C-alpha cells in the first residue's frame, strides 16, 4: 500500500509517517515545503525502503505519479506565530493546497483524511465542543486566516464527498503535544517547557484561567489511523477530554522539570479561546478510540525530549 502525507515533516506529520510504516504501508511519500516542518523530524525514516521525501509547496500541485491508496492532508502552518506571520499563505494552503490533495485522492479512488482543527469552533459558547456545534469564529480577526482556512477545507472535502463520491473523512484535532514540537513555535507546551528548562520566566497569557485539553501525539496518531481505516466522513473530534487551566499547566511543568522559574502573566492574544475541551463520544463509538496516555506521562516524555534537544528551533 502507498500513502501520501502532506506536511509529513511537521510535528504530527512525521509521527504519522512512522505509524503508517508500522501499520503495513509499503511506501510513504512525505511532502513538505519545510516552512514549518524540518527534515530532522523524518531523518530516522530516510533509511526505510519505500520512504520518499519530496520538498515542494502543495499550493502549486502535487507531483506524485502512480497508484495512491491514502492521502493524509496535514500541510498547514498550525501555530499562531507561523500563521499570523503568513496569513495569505495559510489561506492558500487551506484552499488550493486542499483542493490539490483532494484531486490526488479522487483520481486514485484513495481514502482521504483532512487534518482540521478545534479552531473551527473559535471561542466556543458550547462546552464541551461536539461535532454538531458550528462555532463562534471572528471571520476578520487576526486568527481568522487559520480558522477560516480550515473551515473552507472542511467545506471543500464535504463537497468532494457529495459531488464526486470521494472517500474523504474530516478529523478535528484538539491541542496535541509531544516530541518534535519546535521550541520557538509559540504554542503553550513548548514555550513553557523551554522557559522552565532554561530558568526564564514562564509566561502565561491573561489571568491563566483559560483552559485547553492536551492530547499526547502518539494517541492522536492512533486516532488518525483509525479514521484512515474507516469510511466515516466525519467530522470527528480527536483530543483528550482532560481539561486544565494554563496556570495549572505552567505549575505542573515547573514541578516536573524541577525548575525555579517564576510565572509571569502577559496579555491575552486577540480572539484567544477561553475554554477548549472535546466531546469524543463519536470517536469512541465509531472509531473505538480514546487517548490512553495521561497528560502527566506525556509531559514527562516531552520534557525529556526537550532536555536532550534544548536548542531545537
Protein backbone atom coordinates (compact mmCIF):
# COMPACT_ATOMS: atom_id res chain seq x y z
CA UNK A 1 0.00 0.00 0.00
CA UNK A 2 1.08 3.54 -0.74
CA UNK A 3 0.31 6.66 1.30
CA UNK A 4 0.97 10.36 0.71
CA UNK A 5 1.31 12.65 3.73
CA UNK A 6 1.29 16.39 3.06
CA UNK A 7 3.11 18.28 5.78
CA UNK A 8 4.83 15.00 6.56
CA UNK A 9 7.95 16.58 8.03
CA UNK A 10 5.93 18.54 10.58
CA UNK A 11 5.36 17.68 14.22
CA UNK A 12 2.31 15.43 13.80
CA UNK A 13 3.03 14.50 10.18
CA UNK A 14 6.40 12.95 10.98
CA UNK A 15 4.91 10.74 13.69
CA UNK A 16 2.19 9.76 11.24
CA UNK A 17 4.72 8.73 8.56
CA UNK A 18 6.33 6.37 11.07
CA UNK A 19 2.98 4.90 12.12
CA UNK A 20 1.99 4.23 8.52
CA UNK A 21 5.07 2.03 8.04
CA UNK A 22 4.38 0.30 11.35
CA UNK A 23 0.82 -0.36 10.16
CA UNK A 24 1.90 -2.14 7.00
CA UNK A 25 2.20 0.54 4.34
CA UNK A 26 4.97 -0.33 1.87
CA UNK A 27 5.55 3.18 0.56
CA UNK A 28 5.10 6.57 2.24
CA UNK A 29 5.57 9.82 0.37
CA UNK A 30 6.32 12.74 2.69
CA UNK A 31 5.59 16.10 1.04
CA UNK A 32 6.74 19.27 2.78
CA UNK A 33 7.99 22.73 1.85
CA UNK A 34 9.88 22.98 5.19
CA UNK A 35 8.31 26.32 6.03
CA UNK A 36 7.39 24.90 9.45
CA UNK A 37 8.40 21.23 9.14
CA UNK A 38 12.00 20.07 9.43
CA UNK A 39 14.00 17.36 7.63
CA UNK A 40 15.35 16.29 11.03
CA UNK A 41 11.86 15.14 12.02
CA UNK A 42 11.95 12.36 9.42
CA UNK A 43 15.69 11.68 9.49
CA UNK A 44 15.00 8.31 11.12
CA UNK A 45 12.95 7.25 8.09
CA UNK A 46 15.42 8.09 5.34
CA UNK A 47 16.89 4.58 5.50
CA UNK A 48 13.49 2.92 5.16
CA UNK A 49 12.81 1.31 1.84
CA UNK A 50 9.74 2.95 0.36
CA UNK A 51 10.16 6.30 2.11
CA UNK A 52 10.15 9.27 -0.27
CA UNK A 53 10.85 12.79 0.98
CA UNK A 54 9.76 15.43 -1.54
CA UNK A 55 10.26 19.15 -0.96
CA UNK A 56 7.58 21.27 -2.56
CA UNK A 57 4.61 23.54 -1.97
CA UNK A 58 1.28 21.74 -2.46
CA UNK A 59 -0.35 25.04 -3.40
CA UNK A 60 1.40 24.63 -6.77
CA UNK A 61 0.43 20.98 -7.23
CA UNK A 62 1.33 17.51 -6.02
CA UNK A 63 3.70 15.64 -8.30
CA UNK A 64 3.07 12.04 -7.27
CA UNK A 65 2.77 9.55 -10.11
CA UNK A 66 1.33 6.07 -9.87
CA UNK A 67 -1.35 4.50 -7.71
CA UNK A 68 -2.03 6.01 -4.32
CA UNK A 69 -4.12 4.29 -1.63
CA UNK A 70 -4.25 7.00 1.03
CA UNK A 71 -3.83 10.78 1.15
CA UNK A 72 -3.44 12.38 4.58
CA UNK A 73 -3.55 16.15 4.35
CA UNK A 74 -1.62 17.72 7.24
CA UNK A 75 0.08 20.61 5.43
CA UNK A 76 -0.59 23.98 7.06
CA UNK A 77 1.01 26.39 9.48
CA UNK A 78 -0.57 25.38 12.80
CA UNK A 79 0.94 27.64 15.45
CA UNK A 80 -0.08 31.29 15.87
CA UNK A 81 3.46 32.57 15.40
CA UNK A 82 3.52 30.93 11.95
CA UNK A 83 0.07 31.67 10.57
CA UNK A 84 -0.02 35.24 11.90
CA UNK A 85 3.24 35.88 10.03
CA UNK A 86 1.91 34.42 6.74
CA UNK A 87 -1.88 34.78 6.63
CA UNK A 88 -2.19 34.71 2.82
CA UNK A 89 -0.03 31.59 2.55
CA UNK A 90 -2.11 29.93 5.27
CA UNK A 91 -5.33 30.67 3.41
CA UNK A 92 -3.92 29.43 0.11
CA UNK A 93 -2.73 26.21 1.72
CA UNK A 94 -6.19 25.63 3.13
CA UNK A 95 -7.85 26.35 -0.20
CA UNK A 96 -5.64 25.47 -3.18
CA UNK A 97 -3.47 23.01 -1.27
CA UNK A 98 -6.52 21.12 -0.01
CA UNK A 99 -8.03 21.03 -3.49
CA UNK A 100 -4.81 19.59 -4.93
CA UNK A 101 -4.70 16.92 -2.21
CA UNK A 102 -8.37 16.05 -2.79
CA UNK A 103 -7.80 15.80 -6.54
CA UNK A 104 -4.97 13.32 -5.95
CA UNK A 105 -7.27 11.20 -3.78
CA UNK A 106 -10.19 11.44 -6.20
CA UNK A 107 -8.08 10.40 -9.20
CA UNK A 108 -6.87 7.32 -7.36
CA UNK A 109 -10.07 6.42 -5.54
CA UNK A 110 -7.96 6.72 -2.39
CA UNK A 111 -9.03 7.30 1.19
CA UNK A 112 -8.54 10.98 2.10
CA UNK A 113 -8.14 12.28 5.66
CA UNK A 114 -8.25 16.03 6.31
CA UNK A 115 -6.48 17.30 9.41
CA UNK A 116 -8.85 20.04 10.53
CA UNK A 117 -8.72 21.67 13.93
CA UNK A 118 -10.65 22.59 17.05
CA UNK A 119 -10.03 26.18 15.96
CA UNK A 120 -13.11 25.85 13.72
CA UNK A 121 -15.10 26.21 16.97
CA UNK A 122 -13.48 29.59 17.64
CA UNK A 123 -14.10 30.91 21.15
CA UNK A 124 -16.85 28.38 21.86
CA UNK A 125 -20.16 29.21 23.51
CA UNK A 126 -20.91 25.46 23.87
CA UNK A 127 -18.80 23.38 26.23
CA UNK A 128 -17.51 20.75 25.72
CA UNK A 129 -17.49 21.02 21.94
CA UNK A 130 -19.37 18.44 19.88
CA UNK A 131 -19.06 17.97 16.14
CA UNK A 132 -22.58 19.38 15.72
CA UNK A 133 -21.55 22.78 17.12
CA UNK A 134 -20.98 25.31 14.32
CA UNK A 135 -18.60 27.52 16.26
CA UNK A 136 -18.08 31.14 17.26
CA UNK A 137 -15.38 32.43 14.91
CA UNK A 138 -14.41 36.02 14.14
CA UNK A 139 -14.09 35.84 10.32
CA UNK A 140 -11.96 39.01 10.06
CA UNK A 141 -9.84 38.76 13.22
CA UNK A 142 -6.09 38.09 13.19
CA UNK A 143 -6.60 34.35 13.78
CA UNK A 144 -9.19 34.07 11.01
CA UNK A 145 -6.60 33.13 8.38
CA UNK A 146 -6.15 29.76 10.12
CA UNK A 147 -9.70 29.27 11.38
CA UNK A 148 -11.33 30.07 8.04
CA UNK A 149 -8.72 28.17 6.01
CA UNK A 150 -9.64 25.02 7.93
CA UNK A 151 -13.38 25.73 7.76
CA UNK A 152 -13.10 26.15 3.98
CA UNK A 153 -11.01 22.97 3.74
CA UNK A 154 -13.77 21.09 5.56
CA UNK A 155 -16.40 22.51 3.21
CA UNK A 156 -14.28 21.52 0.22
CA UNK A 157 -13.83 17.95 1.47
CA UNK A 158 -17.58 17.66 2.13
CA UNK A 159 -18.32 18.94 -1.39
CA UNK A 160 -15.99 16.31 -2.91
CA UNK A 161 -17.88 13.64 -0.97
CA UNK A 162 -21.26 14.88 -2.20
CA UNK A 163 -20.40 15.69 -5.82
CA UNK A 164 -17.57 13.32 -6.66
CA UNK A 165 -18.16 10.47 -4.23
CA UNK A 166 -14.63 10.90 -2.85
CA UNK A 167 -13.86 8.72 0.16
CA UNK A 168 -12.94 11.65 2.41
CA UNK A 169 -13.00 11.98 6.17
CA UNK A 170 -12.51 15.03 8.41
CA UNK A 171 -10.86 14.98 11.82
CA UNK A 172 -10.82 17.97 14.16
CA UNK A 173 -7.59 17.90 16.13
CA UNK A 174 -7.53 19.45 19.60
CA UNK A 175 -4.34 20.62 21.28
CA UNK A 176 -1.64 17.99 20.76
CA UNK A 177 1.84 17.87 22.24
CA UNK A 178 4.92 15.68 22.29
CA UNK A 179 8.46 15.27 20.95
CA UNK A 180 9.44 17.20 17.80
CA UNK A 181 7.48 20.32 18.62
CA UNK A 182 9.51 23.41 17.79
CA UNK A 183 10.69 25.22 20.90
CA UNK A 184 10.02 28.62 19.39
CA UNK A 185 6.74 27.97 17.62
CA UNK A 186 4.65 30.00 20.06
CA UNK A 187 2.48 27.16 21.36
CA UNK A 188 1.98 26.86 25.09
CA UNK A 189 3.58 23.48 25.88
CA UNK A 190 6.95 24.00 24.13
CA UNK A 191 7.07 27.61 25.34
CA UNK A 192 6.61 26.66 28.98
CA UNK A 193 8.96 23.68 28.82
CA UNK A 194 11.73 25.73 27.18
CA UNK A 195 11.32 28.51 29.74
CA UNK A 196 11.32 26.08 32.66
CA UNK A 197 14.42 24.27 31.42
CA UNK A 198 16.38 27.49 30.81
CA UNK A 199 15.26 29.22 34.00
CA UNK A 200 13.49 32.01 32.15
CA UNK A 201 10.19 33.40 33.46
CA UNK A 202 7.32 31.12 32.44
CA UNK A 203 4.80 33.25 30.54
CA UNK A 204 1.08 32.61 30.91
CA UNK A 205 -1.43 34.71 28.97
CA UNK A 206 -4.34 36.54 30.58
CA UNK A 207 -5.06 35.52 34.15
CA UNK A 208 -4.23 31.88 33.41
CA UNK A 209 -7.81 30.67 33.87
CA UNK A 210 -8.34 29.87 30.18
CA UNK A 211 -8.31 26.13 29.53
CA UNK A 212 -7.04 23.64 26.97
CA UNK A 213 -7.28 19.86 26.68
CA UNK A 214 -3.94 18.29 25.81
CA UNK A 215 -3.53 15.02 23.87
CA UNK A 216 -0.20 13.21 23.57
CA UNK A 217 0.90 12.82 19.95
CA UNK A 218 1.08 9.00 19.96
CA UNK A 219 -2.58 8.83 20.97
CA UNK A 220 -3.59 11.40 18.39
CA UNK A 221 -1.84 9.50 15.60
CA UNK A 222 -3.63 6.34 16.71
CA UNK A 223 -6.92 8.17 16.18
CA UNK A 224 -5.82 9.33 12.74
CA UNK A 225 -5.05 5.74 11.76
CA UNK A 226 -8.48 4.62 12.99
CA UNK A 227 -10.06 7.32 10.82
CA UNK A 228 -7.92 6.26 7.85
CA UNK A 229 -9.11 2.69 8.20
CA UNK A 230 -12.78 3.69 8.30
CA UNK A 231 -15.19 5.05 5.71
CA UNK A 232 -16.58 7.72 8.05
CA UNK A 233 -16.93 11.20 6.53
CA UNK A 234 -16.98 12.99 9.87
CA UNK A 235 -16.11 15.44 11.18
CA UNK A 236 -14.79 13.58 14.22
CA UNK A 237 -13.15 15.23 17.22
CA UNK A 238 -9.76 13.79 18.24
CA UNK A 239 -8.38 15.01 21.54
CA UNK A 240 -8.09 14.39 25.26
CA UNK A 241 -11.09 15.48 27.35
CA UNK A 242 -8.76 16.18 30.32
CA UNK A 243 -9.21 19.95 30.67
CA UNK A 244 -6.82 22.11 32.66
CA UNK A 245 -6.11 25.80 33.03
CA UNK A 246 -2.97 27.36 31.61
CA UNK A 247 -1.85 28.36 35.09
CA UNK A 248 -2.23 24.75 36.24
CA UNK A 249 -0.22 23.62 33.21
CA UNK A 250 2.60 26.05 33.98
CA UNK A 251 2.74 24.93 37.61
CA UNK A 252 2.70 21.26 36.54
CA UNK A 253 5.59 21.76 34.08
CA UNK A 254 7.57 23.70 36.66
CA UNK A 255 7.15 20.83 39.13
CA UNK A 256 8.03 18.11 36.59
CA UNK A 257 11.18 19.94 35.46
CA UNK A 258 12.25 20.91 38.96
CA UNK A 259 12.55 24.48 37.69
CA UNK A 260 12.83 27.56 39.87
CA UNK A 261 11.39 29.82 37.16
CA UNK A 262 8.76 32.31 38.20
CA UNK A 263 5.42 32.62 36.41
CA UNK A 264 4.70 35.90 34.62
CA UNK A 265 1.32 36.96 33.25
CA UNK A 266 1.25 38.55 29.79
CA UNK A 267 -1.68 39.99 27.77
CA UNK A 268 -4.18 37.55 26.29
CA UNK A 269 -3.96 37.49 22.46
CA UNK A 270 -6.94 38.78 20.48
CA UNK A 271 -9.68 36.16 19.90
CA UNK A 272 -7.85 33.61 22.04
CA UNK A 273 -10.39 30.93 23.09
CA UNK A 274 -11.27 30.95 26.80
CA UNK A 275 -12.19 27.25 27.04
CA UNK A 276 -11.46 24.22 24.91
CA UNK A 277 -12.45 20.60 25.57
CA UNK A 278 -13.59 17.97 23.07
CA UNK A 279 -16.57 15.71 23.34
CA UNK A 280 -15.09 12.49 21.88
CA UNK A 281 -18.15 10.26 22.10
CA UNK A 282 -18.23 9.95 18.31
CA UNK A 283 -14.58 8.82 18.21
CA UNK A 284 -15.27 6.31 20.99
CA UNK A 285 -18.32 4.79 19.35
CA UNK A 286 -17.43 5.00 15.64
CA UNK A 287 -13.64 4.57 15.77
CA UNK A 288 -13.25 2.69 19.05
CA UNK A 289 -10.67 5.30 20.01
CA UNK A 290 -9.80 7.30 23.06
CA UNK A 291 -6.47 8.57 24.42
CA UNK A 292 -4.61 6.27 26.79
CA UNK A 293 -1.56 8.38 27.74
CA UNK A 294 -2.05 10.59 30.78
CA UNK A 295 -1.15 14.24 30.44
CA UNK A 296 1.44 13.80 33.18
CA UNK A 297 3.16 10.93 31.38
CA UNK A 298 3.03 12.79 28.06
CA UNK A 299 4.60 15.84 29.68
CA UNK A 300 7.39 13.72 31.19
CA UNK A 301 8.23 12.26 27.76
CA UNK A 302 8.08 15.67 26.10
CA UNK A 303 10.24 17.32 28.75
CA UNK A 304 12.81 14.52 28.39
CA UNK A 305 12.92 15.11 24.63
CA UNK A 306 13.40 18.87 25.03
CA UNK A 307 16.06 18.31 27.68
CA UNK A 308 18.03 16.25 25.13
CA UNK A 309 17.45 18.82 22.39
CA UNK A 310 17.24 22.16 24.23
CA UNK A 311 18.31 24.16 21.18
CA UNK A 312 15.64 22.71 18.88
CA UNK A 313 14.40 25.65 16.78
